């Protein structure tokens, strides 16, 4: 055989091989993107990427630099259980009927389909570590692997214990056992299974993995290694407990900050002219050692500066601790080679007052409690390192992730996919966003029950308060309203609802609030 014939034969064989390879690749569908769904409890937008010059959060900032940051993002309810139920079901609180901390969405809605349940129908393998639903309401039917937790925390008497309640100090641990035993004798069913006692902060000189969030990050890395070898894409819900109280984090993160250089709140007073039932009682902080004396925000109580600085210091240290854990997690994703094919979304469930409005904690309709961080990075994202002023809501996460994953958005969703904003951050968007809060008698300054409906527009924050029947879930008589100018009064210092000059605006806003989220949707 001549050299030319041999060459043609080899060329023909190579061509066939290449065609066969191309056909095989064409037949093999592209793997859907993984989803890393990161919840950070009580995280308000005190992050460098959001403009906080004090916060040391290089890893969250890096994630924002590779994706999109939503500057005007709002929760539906400023407390854990209702906020997370709304987000995970894709509908609003009056549809979930989860209105306050103790409501359990699965008991109220036995047939509810959660986000991981829905994604499992489309071939996703679903895994949960940490707080995605409220505390240890892991909702096992939502996950292929529910409620994974570090080995040393699997003790039988800790199975209903929240990850936020663990300290390093043996003295504190012994005290918690004694207090819990006494409390359970009085009432056997308690929040956090009776473990939520102890100091409001701790700064132990230990490795990151010695606190719960660090231990579950190590477990998350091992789990990701395992998941990366599967043929299926994964939906991984990873819920961090810090910066929820107590502010317990390794000492090195406290050492990042000089407490004297952490600024105090720009608005330490309740809004002038606000109804007294708008404020929560601060019972969360009051349950911790050293804070049993604090009064209702509407009273004459004022927190002294030393305690104020200690708490603000602890919050920032806790945020930096979680940020470092996230950096470790992202490095592991890259090491596994799955970072680029993973949708990463980071969100906080509501804000948190750090002395703002003479208060500590969440549980109001004020923007300091309603505004949350949302940062998104996804494969083949057209624009990276961008920010948008368009108003979005946590209820938008469900349809947004569906669109990014290329699966059908359920037709009952009450949020709107914000994927178009990732391609055009300046795109005209929602006219308003909506939140609400159920004020119960035992925490209301006047001992009565209310439901407050909140609406934020570009210029105004408007709230209407009604009586509320918790048995039927229906509003009663109108009780009062609040109005704040978001442009001239961003810290909500004065309620201008009674200003005669604002009455025309109030009429329009009231109609807009009554029309609700359906009429505020963007034109797509």
Protein backbone atom coordinates (compact mmCIF):
# COMPACT_ATOMS: atom_id res chain seq x y z
CA UNK A 1 0.00 0.00 0.00
CA UNK A 2 1.34 3.39 -0.95
CA UNK A 3 2.03 6.06 1.67
CA UNK A 4 -0.77 8.18 0.22
CA UNK A 5 -3.30 5.33 0.60
CA UNK A 6 -2.09 4.66 4.17
CA UNK A 7 -2.52 8.36 4.98
CA UNK A 8 -6.06 8.39 3.55
CA UNK A 9 -6.93 5.27 5.55
CA UNK A 10 -5.64 6.79 8.81
CA UNK A 11 -7.38 10.08 8.05
CA UNK A 12 -10.65 8.22 7.42
CA UNK A 13 -10.32 6.34 10.73
CA UNK A 14 -9.58 9.55 12.65
CA UNK A 15 -12.54 11.27 10.99
CA UNK A 16 -14.86 8.43 11.99
CA UNK A 17 -13.57 8.56 15.56
CA UNK A 18 -14.13 12.31 15.76
CA UNK A 19 -17.63 12.00 14.31
CA UNK A 20 -18.44 9.23 16.79
CA UNK A 21 -17.14 11.37 19.67
CA UNK A 22 -19.18 14.35 18.48
CA UNK A 23 -22.31 12.22 18.24
CA UNK A 24 -21.80 10.83 21.74
CA UNK A 25 -21.31 14.33 23.13
CA UNK A 26 -24.41 15.54 21.32
CA UNK A 27 -26.43 12.66 22.73
CA UNK A 28 -25.24 13.27 26.29
CA UNK A 29 -27.24 16.17 27.77
CA UNK A 30 -25.37 18.86 29.61
CA UNK A 31 -25.50 18.32 33.36
CA UNK A 32 -27.81 20.74 35.15
CA UNK A 33 -26.08 23.20 37.46
CA UNK A 34 -25.74 22.32 41.12
CA UNK A 35 -27.36 24.62 43.67
CA UNK A 36 -25.67 25.71 46.88
CA UNK A 37 -28.39 27.41 48.91
CA UNK A 38 -26.78 29.30 51.80
CA UNK A 39 -28.86 30.77 54.61
CA UNK A 40 -27.23 33.00 57.24
CA UNK A 41 -29.45 33.53 60.26
CA UNK A 42 -30.15 37.13 61.38
CA UNK A 43 -27.74 38.54 58.79
CA UNK A 44 -28.58 42.13 57.96
CA UNK A 45 -26.73 43.85 55.09
CA UNK A 46 -23.71 44.71 57.26
CA UNK A 47 -21.27 43.40 54.66
CA UNK A 48 -18.42 45.20 52.95
CA UNK A 49 -20.03 44.68 49.55
CA UNK A 50 -23.11 46.53 50.83
CA UNK A 51 -21.00 49.52 51.78
CA UNK A 52 -20.29 48.75 55.43
CA UNK A 53 -16.76 50.09 55.96
CA UNK A 54 -16.36 48.36 59.33
CA UNK A 55 -17.38 44.81 58.40
CA UNK A 56 -14.54 42.45 57.51
CA UNK A 57 -16.20 40.11 55.02
CA UNK A 58 -13.75 39.44 52.17
CA UNK A 59 -15.36 36.20 51.05
CA UNK A 60 -18.91 37.51 50.80
CA UNK A 61 -17.46 40.54 49.02
CA UNK A 62 -15.64 38.21 46.61
CA UNK A 63 -18.85 36.31 45.89
CA UNK A 64 -20.62 39.62 45.17
CA UNK A 65 -17.72 40.57 42.91
CA UNK A 66 -18.37 37.45 40.83
CA UNK A 67 -22.14 37.72 40.72
CA UNK A 68 -24.91 40.19 41.46
CA UNK A 69 -25.81 41.94 44.71
CA UNK A 70 -29.39 43.05 45.37
CA UNK A 71 -29.25 46.34 47.27
CA UNK A 72 -32.99 46.58 47.90
CA UNK A 73 -34.02 43.09 49.04
CA UNK A 74 -36.79 42.52 51.59
CA UNK A 75 -38.11 39.61 53.64
CA UNK A 76 -41.84 38.88 53.96
CA UNK A 77 -41.80 38.67 57.78
CA UNK A 78 -39.03 39.80 60.12
CA UNK A 79 -38.81 36.60 62.13
CA UNK A 80 -37.42 33.16 61.26
CA UNK A 81 -40.27 30.68 60.87
CA UNK A 82 -42.66 32.82 58.77
CA UNK A 83 -39.85 34.26 56.64
CA UNK A 84 -38.40 30.85 55.83
CA UNK A 85 -41.77 29.19 55.26
CA UNK A 86 -42.69 31.87 52.72
CA UNK A 87 -39.34 31.61 50.96
CA UNK A 88 -39.26 27.81 50.85
CA UNK A 89 -42.87 27.45 49.65
CA UNK A 90 -42.76 30.36 47.21
CA UNK A 91 -45.92 31.99 48.55
CA UNK A 92 -46.64 34.80 50.98
CA UNK A 93 -47.51 34.56 54.71
CA UNK A 94 -51.27 34.92 54.29
CA UNK A 95 -51.06 31.89 52.00
CA UNK A 96 -48.69 29.79 54.13
CA UNK A 97 -50.66 30.85 57.24
CA UNK A 98 -47.36 30.85 59.10
CA UNK A 99 -47.45 34.18 60.91
CA UNK A 100 -45.25 33.88 63.97
CA UNK A 101 -42.32 31.99 65.44
CA UNK A 102 -44.14 28.93 66.74
CA UNK A 103 -46.22 28.19 63.64
CA UNK A 104 -45.16 24.95 61.93
CA UNK A 105 -45.78 25.05 58.21
CA UNK A 106 -45.96 21.26 57.76
CA UNK A 107 -48.71 20.92 60.38
CA UNK A 108 -50.62 23.79 58.78
CA UNK A 109 -49.97 22.67 55.18
CA UNK A 110 -49.41 18.87 55.19
CA UNK A 111 -49.41 18.70 51.38
CA UNK A 112 -47.09 21.68 50.86
CA UNK A 113 -44.31 21.25 48.29
CA UNK A 114 -41.09 22.90 49.40
CA UNK A 115 -38.33 24.10 47.11
CA UNK A 116 -36.10 21.02 47.58
CA UNK A 117 -39.10 18.73 47.09
CA UNK A 118 -39.87 20.46 43.83
CA UNK A 119 -36.28 20.31 42.60
CA UNK A 120 -36.11 16.60 43.46
CA UNK A 121 -38.91 16.04 40.92
CA UNK A 122 -36.59 17.40 38.24
CA UNK A 123 -33.67 15.12 39.04
CA UNK A 124 -31.92 17.01 41.83
CA UNK A 125 -30.42 15.18 44.81
CA UNK A 126 -31.33 17.20 47.90
CA UNK A 127 -29.30 17.52 51.09
CA UNK A 128 -29.74 19.63 54.23
CA UNK A 129 -27.20 20.74 56.81
CA UNK A 130 -28.09 23.38 59.40
CA UNK A 131 -30.92 25.89 59.59
CA UNK A 132 -32.96 26.14 56.39
CA UNK A 133 -36.42 25.84 57.86
CA UNK A 134 -36.90 27.20 61.37
CA UNK A 135 -34.31 25.77 63.76
CA UNK A 136 -34.79 22.02 64.08
CA UNK A 137 -37.85 21.78 61.92
CA UNK A 138 -35.80 19.87 59.32
CA UNK A 139 -38.93 18.70 57.45
CA UNK A 140 -37.45 15.35 56.58
CA UNK A 141 -39.76 14.72 53.64
CA UNK A 142 -38.21 17.71 51.85
CA UNK A 143 -34.80 16.10 51.48
CA UNK A 144 -33.08 12.98 50.23
CA UNK A 145 -30.66 13.51 53.12
CA UNK A 146 -32.34 15.59 55.85
CA UNK A 147 -30.80 17.19 58.90
CA UNK A 148 -27.19 16.06 58.56
CA UNK A 149 -25.16 17.23 61.51
CA UNK A 150 -21.62 16.81 62.84
CA UNK A 151 -21.01 13.52 64.62
CA UNK A 152 -20.34 14.98 68.05
CA UNK A 153 -23.72 16.73 68.08
CA UNK A 154 -25.82 13.60 67.54
CA UNK A 155 -26.48 12.92 71.23
CA UNK A 156 -30.07 11.85 71.88
CA UNK A 157 -30.78 14.71 74.28
CA UNK A 158 -29.50 17.23 71.68
CA UNK A 159 -31.65 16.19 68.73
CA UNK A 160 -34.11 19.07 69.27
CA UNK A 161 -31.39 21.49 70.34
CA UNK A 162 -30.56 24.48 68.13
CA UNK A 163 -27.04 24.81 66.75
CA UNK A 164 -26.88 28.36 68.08
CA UNK A 165 -27.07 27.24 71.75
CA UNK A 166 -23.64 25.62 72.07
CA UNK A 167 -20.79 27.26 74.00
CA UNK A 168 -17.18 26.21 74.57
CA UNK A 169 -16.96 26.97 78.31
CA UNK A 170 -17.57 23.89 80.46
CA UNK A 171 -18.88 26.11 83.25
CA UNK A 172 -21.52 27.55 80.92
CA UNK A 173 -22.40 24.07 79.65
CA UNK A 174 -22.98 22.78 83.19
CA UNK A 175 -25.07 25.83 84.01
CA UNK A 176 -27.21 25.25 80.90
CA UNK A 177 -27.97 21.68 82.02
CA UNK A 178 -29.04 22.85 85.49
CA UNK A 179 -31.24 25.62 84.12
CA UNK A 180 -32.77 23.39 81.48
CA UNK A 181 -33.68 20.70 84.03
CA UNK A 182 -35.41 23.31 86.17
CA UNK A 183 -37.26 24.86 83.22
CA UNK A 184 -38.49 21.54 81.84
CA UNK A 185 -39.93 20.61 85.23
CA UNK A 186 -42.08 23.74 85.05
CA UNK A 187 -43.04 23.31 81.38
CA UNK A 188 -41.75 20.28 79.42
CA UNK A 189 -42.19 21.76 75.93
CA UNK A 190 -39.96 24.78 75.38
CA UNK A 191 -38.34 26.83 72.65
CA UNK A 192 -34.96 25.33 71.67
CA UNK A 193 -35.85 22.40 73.92
CA UNK A 194 -34.86 24.54 76.90
CA UNK A 195 -31.23 24.98 75.87
CA UNK A 196 -31.37 28.71 75.04
CA UNK A 197 -29.84 29.90 78.30
CA UNK A 198 -26.43 31.41 78.98
CA UNK A 199 -24.50 34.58 78.20
CA UNK A 200 -25.21 36.67 75.10
CA UNK A 201 -21.63 36.26 73.83
CA UNK A 202 -18.47 34.19 74.07
CA UNK A 203 -14.99 34.58 72.59
CA UNK A 204 -13.17 31.31 73.14
CA UNK A 205 -9.62 30.98 71.82
CA UNK A 206 -10.32 27.87 69.75
CA UNK A 207 -10.19 26.65 66.16
CA UNK A 208 -13.09 27.50 63.87
CA UNK A 209 -14.36 23.91 63.90
CA UNK A 210 -14.89 23.92 67.66
CA UNK A 211 -18.05 26.01 67.34
CA UNK A 212 -21.12 24.51 65.69
CA UNK A 213 -20.99 26.48 62.44
CA UNK A 214 -17.36 25.51 61.93
CA UNK A 215 -18.10 21.85 62.61
CA UNK A 216 -20.94 21.80 60.12
CA UNK A 217 -18.72 23.49 57.52
CA UNK A 218 -16.29 20.58 57.84
CA UNK A 219 -19.23 18.21 57.36
CA UNK A 220 -20.42 20.26 54.38
CA UNK A 221 -17.01 19.89 52.72
CA UNK A 222 -17.06 16.11 53.17
CA UNK A 223 -20.61 16.00 51.86
CA UNK A 224 -19.73 18.09 48.80
CA UNK A 225 -16.83 15.73 48.05
CA UNK A 226 -19.30 12.87 48.04
CA UNK A 227 -21.94 14.72 46.03
CA UNK A 228 -19.40 15.80 43.40
CA UNK A 229 -19.01 12.15 42.37
CA UNK A 230 -22.72 11.61 41.70
CA UNK A 231 -24.30 11.66 38.26
CA UNK A 232 -27.16 13.83 39.54
CA UNK A 233 -26.95 17.57 40.17
CA UNK A 234 -27.41 18.50 43.82
CA UNK A 235 -29.51 21.02 45.71
CA UNK A 236 -27.58 21.58 48.95
CA UNK A 237 -29.25 23.64 51.68
CA UNK A 238 -26.63 24.90 54.13
CA UNK A 239 -27.90 27.04 56.99
CA UNK A 240 -25.49 28.95 59.26
CA UNK A 241 -26.62 29.89 62.77
CA UNK A 242 -24.39 32.88 63.39
CA UNK A 243 -24.80 35.82 63.72
CA UNK A 244 -27.89 34.76 65.69
CA UNK A 245 -27.59 35.22 69.45
CA UNK A 246 -25.54 34.31 71.36
CA UNK A 247 -22.63 36.02 69.63
CA UNK A 248 -20.29 33.10 70.27
CA UNK A 249 -17.34 32.96 67.88
CA UNK A 250 -13.60 32.22 68.03
CA UNK A 251 -11.59 34.96 69.69
CA UNK A 252 -9.59 35.74 66.54
CA UNK A 253 -12.72 37.18 64.91
CA UNK A 254 -13.38 39.41 67.90
CA UNK A 255 -9.76 40.52 67.64
CA UNK A 256 -10.38 41.79 64.09
CA UNK A 257 -12.28 44.76 65.53
CA UNK A 258 -11.64 47.64 67.90
CA UNK A 259 -15.00 48.02 69.67
CA UNK A 260 -14.41 51.74 70.10
CA UNK A 261 -14.27 52.15 66.33
CA UNK A 262 -17.53 50.30 65.68
CA UNK A 263 -20.08 53.09 65.23
CA UNK A 264 -23.25 53.15 67.29
CA UNK A 265 -26.66 53.20 65.65
CA UNK A 266 -27.45 56.30 63.57
CA UNK A 267 -31.00 56.15 64.95
CA UNK A 268 -31.16 54.95 68.58
CA UNK A 269 -34.73 56.18 69.18
CA UNK A 270 -38.14 54.80 68.29
CA UNK A 271 -39.76 56.80 65.48
CA UNK A 272 -41.55 59.93 66.56
CA UNK A 273 -45.30 59.50 66.26
CA UNK A 274 -45.16 55.72 65.81
CA UNK A 275 -47.85 53.58 67.48
CA UNK A 276 -46.52 51.75 70.54
CA UNK A 277 -47.63 48.38 69.17
CA UNK A 278 -45.20 48.73 66.27
CA UNK A 279 -42.30 47.67 68.51
CA UNK A 280 -41.40 44.22 69.84
CA UNK A 281 -40.56 43.60 73.49
CA UNK A 282 -36.94 42.39 73.01
CA UNK A 283 -37.73 39.14 74.84
CA UNK A 284 -35.08 37.33 72.80
CA UNK A 285 -32.16 39.30 74.21
CA UNK A 286 -33.79 39.52 77.64
CA UNK A 287 -33.48 35.75 78.06
CA UNK A 288 -29.65 35.93 78.09
CA UNK A 289 -27.50 36.45 81.19
CA UNK A 290 -26.76 40.09 81.89
CA UNK A 291 -29.80 41.37 80.00
CA UNK A 292 -32.75 40.28 82.12
CA UNK A 293 -33.25 43.91 83.16
CA UNK A 294 -33.90 45.42 79.73
CA UNK A 295 -37.31 47.02 79.29
CA UNK A 296 -39.69 47.47 76.40
CA UNK A 297 -38.33 49.81 73.70
CA UNK A 298 -41.32 52.13 74.20
CA UNK A 299 -40.46 52.53 77.91
CA UNK A 300 -37.84 54.79 79.46
CA UNK A 301 -35.23 52.03 79.15
CA UNK A 302 -31.92 52.87 77.47
CA UNK A 303 -29.08 50.37 77.04
CA UNK A 304 -25.79 51.63 78.52
CA UNK A 305 -22.93 52.20 76.09
CA UNK A 306 -20.67 49.43 77.41
CA UNK A 307 -23.25 46.71 76.79
CA UNK A 308 -24.21 48.30 73.49
CA UNK A 309 -20.62 48.20 72.24
CA UNK A 310 -20.13 44.63 73.45
CA UNK A 311 -23.16 43.41 71.55
CA UNK A 312 -22.33 45.29 68.36
CA UNK A 313 -18.77 43.94 68.60
CA UNK A 314 -20.10 40.40 69.01
CA UNK A 315 -22.39 40.73 66.01
CA UNK A 316 -19.57 41.89 63.73
CA UNK A 317 -17.25 39.14 65.04
CA UNK A 318 -19.93 36.55 64.31
CA UNK A 319 -20.42 37.84 60.76
CA UNK A 320 -16.67 37.68 60.11
CA UNK A 321 -16.57 34.14 61.50
CA UNK A 322 -19.25 32.94 59.07
CA UNK A 323 -17.51 34.82 56.26
CA UNK A 324 -14.28 32.91 56.93
CA UNK A 325 -16.18 29.61 56.90
CA UNK A 326 -17.70 30.55 53.55
CA UNK A 327 -14.24 31.26 52.17
CA UNK A 328 -13.12 27.79 53.21
CA UNK A 329 -16.23 26.29 51.60
CA UNK A 330 -15.75 28.15 48.30
CA UNK A 331 -12.10 27.04 48.14
CA UNK A 332 -13.28 23.46 48.55
CA UNK A 333 -15.80 23.81 45.71
CA UNK A 334 -12.99 25.01 43.46
CA UNK A 335 -10.74 22.17 44.57
CA UNK A 336 -13.45 19.68 43.63
CA UNK A 337 -13.85 21.31 40.22
CA UNK A 338 -17.58 22.03 40.69
CA UNK A 339 -17.48 25.74 41.53
CA UNK A 340 -18.09 26.89 37.96
CA UNK A 341 -21.14 24.65 37.49
CA UNK A 342 -22.80 25.60 40.76
CA UNK A 343 -25.46 28.23 41.35
CA UNK A 344 -24.53 29.88 44.64
CA UNK A 345 -27.14 31.99 46.39
CA UNK A 346 -26.53 33.58 49.78
CA UNK A 347 -29.34 35.19 51.76
CA UNK A 348 -30.34 36.39 55.21
CA UNK A 349 -33.82 35.63 56.55
CA UNK A 350 -34.42 39.12 58.00
CA UNK A 351 -32.59 42.08 59.49
CA UNK A 352 -31.66 42.67 63.12
CA UNK A 353 -31.64 45.79 65.29
CA UNK A 354 -28.33 46.56 67.01
CA UNK A 355 -29.58 49.35 69.25
CA UNK A 356 -31.53 50.87 66.36
CA UNK A 357 -34.95 52.24 67.37
CA UNK A 358 -33.96 51.73 71.04
CA UNK A 359 -34.22 48.02 70.39
CA UNK A 360 -32.39 44.74 69.83
CA UNK A 361 -33.48 41.86 67.64
CA UNK A 362 -36.00 41.64 64.83
CA UNK A 363 -39.81 41.35 64.85
CA UNK A 364 -41.01 44.69 63.50
CA UNK A 365 -42.17 46.12 60.18
CA UNK A 366 -39.32 48.66 60.09
CA UNK A 367 -36.84 48.48 57.25
CA UNK A 368 -33.94 47.78 59.63
CA UNK A 369 -35.65 44.40 60.16
CA UNK A 370 -37.08 43.90 56.68
CA UNK A 371 -34.00 44.54 54.54
CA UNK A 372 -31.82 41.51 53.84
CA UNK A 373 -28.74 40.61 51.80
CA UNK A 374 -29.11 38.52 48.66
CA UNK A 375 -26.02 37.66 46.61
CA UNK A 376 -26.20 35.40 43.57
CA UNK A 377 -23.54 33.84 41.36
CA UNK A 378 -24.35 31.33 38.65
CA UNK A 379 -22.67 29.52 35.72
CA UNK A 380 -22.25 31.45 32.47
CA UNK A 381 -23.54 34.63 34.10
CA UNK A 382 -23.37 37.42 31.53
CA UNK A 383 -22.60 40.26 33.94
CA UNK A 384 -20.50 39.83 37.05
CA UNK A 385 -19.68 42.13 39.91
CA UNK A 386 -22.87 44.15 39.42
CA UNK A 387 -25.41 45.62 41.82
CA UNK A 388 -29.04 46.50 41.31
CA UNK A 389 -31.34 48.97 43.08
CA UNK A 390 -34.41 47.10 41.86
CA UNK A 391 -36.63 45.95 44.73
CA UNK A 392 -36.79 42.18 45.20
CA UNK A 393 -38.16 39.86 47.89
CA UNK A 394 -37.20 36.55 49.46
CA UNK A 395 -40.34 35.03 47.96
CA UNK A 396 -38.66 35.60 44.58
CA UNK A 397 -35.93 33.03 45.27
CA UNK A 398 -38.00 29.95 44.41
CA UNK A 399 -38.97 31.03 40.86
CA UNK A 400 -35.53 32.55 40.24
CA UNK A 401 -33.71 29.30 41.01
CA UNK A 402 -36.18 27.37 38.86
CA UNK A 403 -35.40 29.61 35.90
CA UNK A 404 -31.64 29.36 36.45
CA UNK A 405 -31.86 25.57 36.67
CA UNK A 406 -33.94 25.40 33.50
CA UNK A 407 -36.99 23.83 35.14
CA UNK A 408 -40.63 24.88 35.00
CA UNK A 409 -41.67 27.60 37.42
CA UNK A 410 -44.78 26.46 39.33
CA UNK A 411 -47.80 28.52 38.31
CA UNK A 412 -48.81 29.19 41.94
CA UNK A 413 -45.65 31.14 42.78
CA UNK A 414 -46.29 34.52 44.44
CA UNK A 415 -42.86 35.90 43.70
CA UNK A 416 -41.17 36.88 40.46
CA UNK A 417 -37.95 35.47 39.03
CA UNK A 418 -35.29 38.17 39.21
CA UNK A 419 -33.07 36.50 36.61
CA UNK A 420 -33.78 39.34 34.10
CA UNK A 421 -32.09 41.74 36.53
CA UNK A 422 -28.86 39.73 36.35
CA UNK A 423 -28.73 40.54 32.63
CA UNK A 424 -29.93 44.13 32.95
CA UNK A 425 -29.53 45.46 36.53
CA UNK A 426 -31.14 48.78 35.50
CA UNK A 427 -34.29 47.15 34.16
CA UNK A 428 -37.54 48.71 35.48
CA UNK A 429 -38.86 46.31 38.10
CA UNK A 430 -41.42 45.97 40.87
CA UNK A 431 -43.38 49.05 41.88
CA UNK A 432 -43.52 47.83 45.48
CA UNK A 433 -42.59 44.99 47.84
CA UNK A 434 -44.74 43.64 50.69
CA UNK A 435 -44.17 42.40 54.23
CA UNK A 436 -46.22 41.96 57.37
CA UNK A 437 -45.96 41.27 61.09
CA UNK A 438 -48.25 39.66 63.64
CA UNK A 439 -47.92 41.47 66.97
CA UNK A 440 -49.08 39.16 69.76
CA UNK A 441 -50.57 40.45 73.06
CA UNK A 442 -47.77 39.13 75.29
CA UNK A 443 -45.14 41.21 73.48
CA UNK A 444 -47.25 44.22 72.55
CA UNK A 445 -46.77 47.36 74.66
CA UNK A 446 -50.53 47.72 75.11
CA UNK A 447 -51.36 44.02 75.47
CA UNK A 448 -53.48 43.81 72.31
CA UNK A 449 -53.15 41.81 69.11
CA UNK A 450 -52.42 43.32 65.69
CA UNK A 451 -51.43 42.52 62.14
CA UNK A 452 -49.33 45.13 60.37
CA UNK A 453 -49.18 45.15 56.57
CA UNK A 454 -46.11 46.87 55.13
CA UNK A 455 -45.34 48.14 51.63
CA UNK A 456 -42.11 49.66 50.39
CA UNK A 457 -42.05 51.71 47.20
CA UNK A 458 -39.06 53.54 45.78
CA UNK A 459 -39.90 56.65 47.80
CA UNK A 460 -42.16 55.56 50.68
CA UNK A 461 -42.57 52.95 53.38
CA UNK A 462 -46.23 52.62 54.28
CA UNK A 463 -47.77 50.40 57.02
CA UNK A 464 -51.37 49.76 58.02
CA UNK A 465 -52.24 48.09 61.32
CA UNK A 466 -55.40 46.07 61.99
CA UNK A 467 -56.87 43.96 64.74
CA UNK A 468 -56.34 40.26 64.08
CA UNK A 469 -58.20 37.02 64.72
CA UNK A 470 -55.56 34.26 65.00
CA UNK A 471 -58.15 31.47 64.83
CA UNK A 472 -59.59 32.46 61.47
CA UNK A 473 -56.57 34.35 60.18
CA UNK A 474 -58.61 37.41 59.32
CA UNK A 475 -58.06 41.09 59.93
CA UNK A 476 -60.35 43.15 62.13
CA UNK A 477 -60.80 46.87 62.54
CA UNK A 478 -58.28 49.39 61.23
CA UNK A 479 -56.06 50.58 64.09
CA UNK A 480 -53.43 52.93 62.70
CA UNK A 481 -50.86 53.67 60.01
CA UNK A 482 -47.25 54.67 59.54
CA UNK A 483 -45.57 56.54 56.71
CA UNK A 484 -41.85 57.15 56.22
CA UNK A 485 -40.05 58.98 53.45
CA UNK A 486 -37.32 56.55 52.37
CA UNK A 487 -35.37 59.29 50.57
CA UNK A 488 -35.29 62.09 53.14
CA UNK A 489 -35.64 59.88 56.23
CA UNK A 490 -33.90 56.54 55.49
CA UNK A 491 -33.55 55.66 59.20
CA UNK A 492 -37.28 56.07 59.78
CA UNK A 493 -37.07 58.64 62.54
CA UNK A 494 -40.50 60.28 62.15
CA UNK A 495 -43.88 58.81 61.26
CA UNK A 496 -45.47 61.41 58.96
CA UNK A 497 -48.80 59.61 58.53
CA UNK A 498 -50.66 62.39 60.36
CA UNK A 499 -49.08 65.19 58.35
CA UNK A 500 -51.91 67.01 56.51
CA UNK A 501 -49.68 67.46 53.47
CA UNK A 502 -49.29 63.69 53.10
CA UNK A 503 -52.96 62.71 53.05
CA UNK A 504 -53.24 62.54 49.27
CA UNK A 505 -50.14 60.32 49.12
CA UNK A 506 -51.57 58.12 51.87
CA UNK A 507 -54.79 57.58 49.92
CA UNK A 508 -52.82 56.42 46.90
CA UNK A 509 -50.51 54.22 48.96
CA UNK A 510 -53.44 52.64 50.79
CA UNK A 511 -55.02 51.68 47.47
CA UNK A 512 -51.69 50.30 46.27
CA UNK A 513 -51.29 48.26 49.47
CA UNK A 514 -54.81 46.87 49.08
CA UNK A 515 -54.12 45.93 45.45
CA UNK A 516 -51.15 43.90 46.69
CA UNK A 517 -48.24 42.16 45.06
CA UNK A 518 -50.15 41.12 41.93
CA UNK A 519 -50.46 44.74 40.80
CA UNK A 520 -46.84 45.57 41.66
CA UNK A 521 -45.24 42.94 39.44
CA UNK A 522 -42.81 44.12 36.77
CA UNK A 523 -43.74 44.12 33.13
CA UNK A 524 -41.60 41.35 31.65
